[in-house]
């Protein structure tokens, strides 16, 4: 983390440079259990006096390095709006995409920069051409943003939502995989699964469920809101088709920025929620073609 702070501070001006100097001043022996390490981390946040913030699973605070950089981008945009909104930041935005891909073990052309996990789950649920009688498996620990899109976009078409019950204290991953295996029928088309559930913090065996689903021609969509920044995520290793994540939780990004992954072989199935000029773009960038958007927040994620 300290190494990342030191490198990232180069574009952030005096405040970032001071923080970088503090990081570099720590002795090499400092580890995450040392008080000096955590005092440095604490000094990077502008929380209200006396506040001990423990709600990152809902909304994480951006450290000063991120907040200051985002504000710099915002002022630059307001100094020449049309220049920066319509092209001057194209390469910078692609750099953010590449960083997200590297962080999550994916290719850049598999990453769309969206608003949040909810948008990503809506992209999947609204796009798939399911038929009456088809089934989507959603376990009982799914977040509402993982279930409501399926109800809204698919249930009215006669698609059946199957909700198996997950064990509260499973003996191991195999017990959870077995719950999904038993829920599969010949009409199962999609498994929609959380990576980390928000109810009791279970990390679900996405890799094993994805492997089982692929053998049966079933798509796997993952609600990854709680995972990036909390645990290591390697999307190619997980083997899922779609993965939606919010960056405003454990990644501590500006608010209103999310990451959507679609495996190369599955991208053809996804349709944009919003269309405007450029909708014919065959790449995954068509999913983020909102015309005007809050680019300082996107660059702040980077």
Protein backbone atom coordinates (compact mmCIF):
# COMPACT_ATOMS: atom_id res chain seq x y z
CA UNK A 1 0.00 0.00 0.00
CA UNK A 2 2.79 2.41 0.93
CA UNK A 3 4.51 1.75 -2.39
CA UNK A 4 1.27 2.51 -4.20
CA UNK A 5 0.83 5.73 -2.25
CA UNK A 6 4.34 6.83 -3.15
CA UNK A 7 3.90 6.20 -6.87
CA UNK A 8 0.41 7.64 -7.12
CA UNK A 9 1.30 10.87 -5.41
CA UNK A 10 3.27 12.19 -8.39
CA UNK A 11 0.26 13.83 -10.04
CA UNK A 12 -1.37 15.19 -6.90
CA UNK A 13 0.56 18.31 -6.01
CA UNK A 14 1.96 19.43 -2.68
CA UNK A 15 -0.43 17.49 -0.46
CA UNK A 16 0.28 14.23 -2.25
CA UNK A 17 4.01 14.88 -2.19
CA UNK A 18 3.96 15.42 1.58
CA UNK A 19 2.07 12.18 2.09
CA UNK A 20 4.48 10.38 -0.24
CA UNK A 21 7.42 11.68 1.74
CA UNK A 22 5.87 10.39 4.96
CA UNK A 23 5.36 6.98 3.38
CA UNK A 24 8.94 6.80 2.17
CA UNK A 25 10.11 7.86 5.64
CA UNK A 26 8.78 4.71 7.26
CA UNK A 27 11.47 2.13 8.00
CA UNK A 28 11.45 -0.99 5.78
CA UNK A 29 10.60 -3.10 8.83
CA UNK A 30 7.18 -1.46 9.22
CA UNK A 31 4.38 -3.96 8.68
CA UNK A 32 0.62 -3.68 8.78
CA UNK A 33 0.48 -4.43 12.49
CA UNK A 34 2.67 -1.46 13.43
CA UNK A 35 1.04 1.64 14.87
CA UNK A 36 3.16 3.94 12.67
CA UNK A 37 1.77 2.30 9.55
CA UNK A 38 -1.84 2.81 10.63
CA UNK A 39 -1.21 6.38 11.80
CA UNK A 40 0.05 7.13 8.30
CA UNK A 41 -3.03 5.52 6.74
CA UNK A 42 -5.28 7.48 9.13
CA UNK A 43 -3.57 10.75 8.23
CA UNK A 44 -4.55 10.22 4.60
CA UNK A 45 -8.27 10.62 5.31
CA UNK A 46 -10.24 13.77 6.10
CA UNK A 47 -12.84 12.26 8.42
CA UNK A 48 -14.81 14.30 10.92
CA UNK A 49 -12.94 14.77 14.21
CA UNK A 50 -13.53 11.85 16.54
CA UNK A 51 -15.14 9.67 13.87
CA UNK A 52 -14.05 6.04 13.61
CA UNK A 53 -15.53 4.94 10.29
CA UNK A 54 -16.40 1.24 9.93
CA UNK A 55 -18.95 1.29 7.10
CA UNK A 56 -16.79 0.78 4.00
CA UNK A 57 -19.00 -2.16 3.03
CA UNK A 58 -21.68 0.42 2.30
CA UNK A 59 -19.73 3.51 1.24
CA UNK A 60 -16.01 4.01 1.66
CA UNK A 61 -14.37 7.39 2.19
CA UNK A 62 -11.93 8.50 -0.49
CA UNK A 63 -8.50 9.34 0.91
CA UNK A 64 -7.17 12.85 0.36
CA UNK A 65 -4.98 11.61 -2.49
CA UNK A 66 -8.09 10.56 -4.43
CA UNK A 67 -10.34 13.46 -3.36
CA UNK A 68 -7.70 16.06 -4.24
CA UNK A 69 -6.95 14.48 -7.61
CA UNK A 70 -10.66 14.33 -8.46
CA UNK A 71 -11.09 17.98 -7.51
CA UNK A 72 -8.12 18.88 -9.72
CA UNK A 73 -9.74 17.07 -12.64
CA UNK A 74 -13.05 18.83 -11.93
CA UNK A 75 -11.44 22.28 -11.98
CA UNK A 76 -9.59 21.44 -15.19
CA UNK A 77 -12.88 20.40 -16.79
CA UNK A 78 -14.61 23.61 -15.72
CA UNK A 79 -11.71 25.66 -17.12
CA UNK A 80 -12.32 24.27 -20.63
CA UNK A 81 -15.49 22.12 -20.56
CA UNK A 82 -15.91 21.08 -24.17
CA UNK A 83 -12.24 20.19 -24.62
CA UNK A 84 -12.06 17.74 -21.75
CA UNK A 85 -15.56 16.29 -22.03
CA UNK A 86 -15.26 15.57 -25.73
CA UNK A 87 -11.92 13.88 -26.24
CA UNK A 88 -8.97 15.42 -24.42
CA UNK A 89 -9.20 12.79 -21.68
CA UNK A 90 -9.73 9.81 -23.98
CA UNK A 91 -6.29 8.35 -23.33
CA UNK A 92 -6.59 9.02 -19.59
CA UNK A 93 -9.90 7.15 -19.49
CA UNK A 94 -8.33 4.21 -21.30
CA UNK A 95 -5.53 4.23 -18.72
CA UNK A 96 -8.16 3.86 -15.99
CA UNK A 97 -9.68 0.93 -17.88
CA UNK A 98 -6.27 -0.74 -18.12
CA UNK A 99 -5.62 -0.25 -14.39
CA UNK A 100 -8.99 -1.80 -13.53
CA UNK A 101 -8.28 -4.74 -15.83
CA UNK A 102 -4.87 -5.30 -14.25
CA UNK A 103 -6.34 -5.11 -10.74
CA UNK A 104 -9.07 -7.64 -11.53
CA UNK A 105 -7.21 -10.10 -13.74
CA UNK A 106 -8.98 -9.26 -16.99
CA UNK A 107 -8.21 -7.79 -20.42
CA UNK A 108 -8.88 -4.09 -21.02
CA UNK A 109 -11.38 -4.91 -23.74
CA UNK A 110 -13.45 -6.85 -21.19
CA UNK A 111 -13.92 -3.87 -18.84
CA UNK A 112 -16.61 -1.17 -19.00
CA UNK A 113 -16.47 1.84 -16.66
CA UNK A 114 -20.03 2.19 -15.44
CA UNK A 115 -21.69 3.76 -12.37
CA UNK A 116 -22.07 0.94 -9.85
CA UNK A 117 -22.90 -2.73 -9.30
CA UNK A 118 -26.62 -2.08 -9.72
CA UNK A 119 -26.08 -0.82 -13.26
CA UNK A 120 -23.94 -3.85 -14.06
CA UNK A 121 -26.58 -6.29 -12.83
CA UNK A 122 -29.22 -4.42 -14.83
CA UNK A 123 -27.06 -4.69 -17.94
CA UNK A 124 -27.10 -8.47 -17.64
CA UNK A 125 -30.72 -8.90 -16.59
CA UNK A 126 -32.06 -6.57 -19.29
CA UNK A 127 -29.96 -8.03 -22.11
CA UNK A 128 -30.52 -11.76 -22.02
CA UNK A 129 -33.21 -13.13 -24.34
CA UNK A 130 -34.75 -15.62 -21.94
CA UNK A 131 -38.03 -17.37 -22.69
CA UNK A 132 -41.06 -18.27 -20.56
CA UNK A 133 -40.20 -21.25 -18.40
CA UNK A 134 -36.46 -20.54 -18.38
CA UNK A 135 -34.91 -20.35 -14.91
CA UNK A 136 -32.45 -18.04 -13.14
CA UNK A 137 -30.91 -19.25 -9.87
CA UNK A 138 -30.60 -16.58 -7.15
CA UNK A 139 -29.71 -17.81 -3.67
CA UNK A 140 -31.37 -16.35 -0.61
CA UNK A 141 -28.36 -14.20 0.36
CA UNK A 142 -28.39 -12.05 -2.78
CA UNK A 143 -28.49 -8.26 -2.38
CA UNK A 144 -31.65 -6.53 -3.59
CA UNK A 145 -29.66 -4.97 -6.44
CA UNK A 146 -28.89 -8.50 -7.55
CA UNK A 147 -32.49 -9.71 -7.42
CA UNK A 148 -34.68 -6.73 -8.40
CA UNK A 149 -33.20 -6.42 -11.93
CA UNK A 150 -34.11 -10.05 -12.64
CA UNK A 151 -37.62 -9.52 -11.32
CA UNK A 152 -38.10 -6.35 -13.32
CA UNK A 153 -36.61 -7.44 -16.65
CA UNK A 154 -37.34 -11.17 -16.73
CA UNK A 155 -40.02 -12.34 -14.31
CA UNK A 156 -42.80 -10.59 -16.21
CA UNK A 157 -41.82 -12.62 -19.30
CA UNK A 158 -42.55 -15.84 -17.46
CA UNK A 159 -38.96 -16.53 -16.47
CA UNK A 160 -38.82 -18.39 -13.15
CA UNK A 161 -36.51 -17.16 -10.36
CA UNK A 162 -35.25 -20.08 -8.27
CA UNK A 163 -34.03 -19.14 -4.76
CA UNK A 164 -32.23 -21.98 -2.95
CA UNK A 165 -31.22 -21.52 0.69
CA UNK A 166 -27.53 -21.22 1.52
CA UNK A 167 -26.19 -22.60 4.81
CA UNK A 168 -25.31 -19.93 7.38
CA UNK A 169 -22.22 -21.84 8.57
CA UNK A 170 -21.17 -24.11 5.68
CA UNK A 171 -18.65 -26.86 6.35
CA UNK A 172 -16.76 -25.79 3.23
CA UNK A 173 -17.12 -24.61 -0.37
CA UNK A 174 -18.38 -27.98 -1.57
CA UNK A 175 -21.52 -27.65 0.55
CA UNK A 176 -22.38 -24.37 -1.18
CA UNK A 177 -21.59 -25.73 -4.65
CA UNK A 178 -23.95 -28.61 -3.92
CA UNK A 179 -26.78 -26.17 -3.13
CA UNK A 180 -26.41 -24.66 -6.60
CA UNK A 181 -26.01 -28.08 -8.24
CA UNK A 182 -29.28 -29.31 -6.74
CA UNK A 183 -31.07 -26.16 -7.94
CA UNK A 184 -30.10 -26.71 -11.59
CA UNK A 185 -32.71 -28.12 -13.95
CA UNK A 186 -32.81 -28.53 -17.74
CA UNK A 187 -34.41 -25.04 -17.91
CA UNK A 188 -31.64 -23.25 -15.94
CA UNK A 189 -30.10 -20.55 -18.11
CA UNK A 190 -28.33 -18.27 -15.60
CA UNK A 191 -26.79 -18.47 -12.13
CA UNK A 192 -26.62 -15.03 -10.51
CA UNK A 193 -24.33 -15.17 -7.48
CA UNK A 194 -22.66 -12.82 -4.99
CA UNK A 195 -18.90 -13.02 -4.60
CA UNK A 196 -19.05 -11.80 -0.99
CA UNK A 197 -22.53 -11.69 0.54
CA UNK A 198 -23.50 -8.60 2.50
CA UNK A 199 -25.48 -10.57 5.11
CA UNK A 200 -22.76 -12.48 6.95
CA UNK A 201 -19.61 -11.93 4.90
CA UNK A 202 -19.40 -15.38 3.28
CA UNK A 203 -17.09 -15.61 0.27
CA UNK A 204 -18.96 -17.83 -2.17
CA UNK A 205 -17.09 -20.34 -4.38
CA UNK A 206 -17.59 -18.50 -7.67
CA UNK A 207 -14.83 -20.42 -9.45
CA UNK A 208 -16.31 -23.81 -8.64
CA UNK A 209 -19.87 -22.74 -9.45
CA UNK A 210 -18.72 -21.21 -12.75
CA UNK A 211 -16.91 -24.40 -13.75
CA UNK A 212 -20.00 -26.48 -12.97
CA UNK A 213 -22.23 -24.07 -14.89
CA UNK A 214 -20.04 -23.94 -17.97
CA UNK A 215 -20.17 -27.71 -18.34
CA UNK A 216 -23.95 -27.33 -18.62
CA UNK A 217 -24.02 -24.25 -20.87
CA UNK A 218 -25.29 -22.01 -18.06
CA UNK A 219 -24.23 -18.35 -17.83
CA UNK A 220 -22.84 -17.00 -14.54
CA UNK A 221 -23.33 -13.37 -13.49
CA UNK A 222 -21.55 -12.20 -10.33
CA UNK A 223 -22.49 -9.40 -7.96
CA UNK A 224 -18.98 -8.41 -6.90
CA UNK A 225 -19.86 -5.23 -5.00
CA UNK A 226 -18.04 -6.29 -1.82
CA UNK A 227 -14.97 -8.02 -3.27
CA UNK A 228 -12.53 -5.68 -5.11
CA UNK A 229 -10.30 -4.02 -2.55
CA UNK A 230 -11.34 -6.51 0.14
CA UNK A 231 -9.93 -9.70 -1.44
CA UNK A 232 -7.83 -10.47 -4.49
CA UNK A 233 -9.99 -10.88 -7.60
CA UNK A 234 -8.83 -12.69 -10.75
CA UNK A 235 -11.73 -12.73 -13.18
CA UNK A 236 -10.12 -15.04 -15.70
CA UNK A 237 -9.42 -17.50 -12.91
CA UNK A 238 -12.99 -17.23 -11.59
CA UNK A 239 -14.34 -18.18 -15.02
CA UNK A 240 -17.62 -16.25 -14.77
CA UNK A 241 -19.30 -14.61 -17.76
CA UNK A 242 -20.19 -11.27 -16.14
CA UNK A 243 -18.98 -9.45 -13.02
CA UNK A 244 -20.29 -6.16 -11.66
CA UNK A 245 -18.49 -4.19 -8.95
CA UNK A 246 -18.80 -0.87 -7.17
CA UNK A 247 -15.59 1.09 -6.70
CA UNK A 248 -17.00 3.27 -3.90
CA UNK A 249 -16.71 0.59 -1.21
CA UNK A 250 -13.34 -1.06 -0.52
CA UNK A 251 -11.60 0.61 -3.47
CA UNK A 252 -12.34 4.01 -1.87
CA UNK A 253 -12.97 5.67 -5.20
CA UNK A 254 -15.09 8.77 -5.93
CA UNK A 255 -18.76 7.96 -5.62
CA UNK A 256 -20.79 6.90 -8.64
CA UNK A 257 -18.14 4.85 -10.43
CA UNK A 258 -18.33 1.11 -11.04
CA UNK A 259 -16.64 -1.62 -13.04
CA UNK A 260 -18.41 -4.11 -15.30
CA UNK A 261 -16.69 -7.15 -16.76
CA UNK A 262 -17.95 -9.25 -19.64
CA UNK A 263 -15.91 -12.23 -20.78
CA UNK A 264 -14.89 -11.83 -24.42
CA UNK A 265 -16.97 -14.80 -25.56
CA UNK A 266 -20.08 -13.50 -23.74
CA UNK A 267 -19.99 -9.80 -24.67
CA UNK A 268 -22.22 -10.26 -27.71
CA UNK A 269 -25.11 -11.02 -25.33
CA UNK A 270 -25.02 -7.65 -23.56
CA UNK A 271 -26.97 -4.64 -24.83
CA UNK A 272 -26.52 -1.03 -23.62
CA UNK A 273 -29.03 0.40 -21.17
CA UNK A 274 -28.57 3.84 -22.79
CA UNK A 275 -27.97 4.48 -26.49
CA UNK A 276 -26.84 7.56 -28.37
CA UNK A 277 -24.43 8.33 -31.18
CA UNK A 278 -21.79 5.62 -31.32
CA UNK A 279 -24.10 2.83 -30.21
CA UNK A 280 -22.84 0.67 -33.09
CA UNK A 281 -19.43 0.35 -31.39
CA UNK A 282 -18.83 -3.42 -31.22
CA UNK A 283 -16.46 -3.10 -28.24
CA UNK A 284 -17.50 -3.16 -24.60
CA UNK A 285 -17.24 0.66 -24.60
CA UNK A 286 -20.74 0.76 -26.08
CA UNK A 287 -22.05 0.00 -22.58
CA UNK A 288 -20.67 3.27 -21.18
CA UNK A 289 -21.78 5.52 -24.03
CA UNK A 290 -23.76 7.99 -21.89
CA UNK A 291 -22.77 11.02 -23.99
CA UNK A 292 -22.09 13.54 -21.16
CA UNK A 293 -20.83 11.96 -17.93
CA UNK A 294 -18.85 12.82 -14.81
CA UNK A 295 -15.34 12.16 -16.12
CA UNK A 296 -13.50 13.60 -13.06
CA UNK A 297 -14.99 10.77 -10.98
CA UNK A 298 -13.85 8.19 -13.54
CA UNK A 299 -10.32 9.61 -13.57
CA UNK A 300 -10.43 9.74 -9.77
CA UNK A 301 -10.97 5.98 -9.80
CA UNK A 302 -7.72 5.70 -11.75
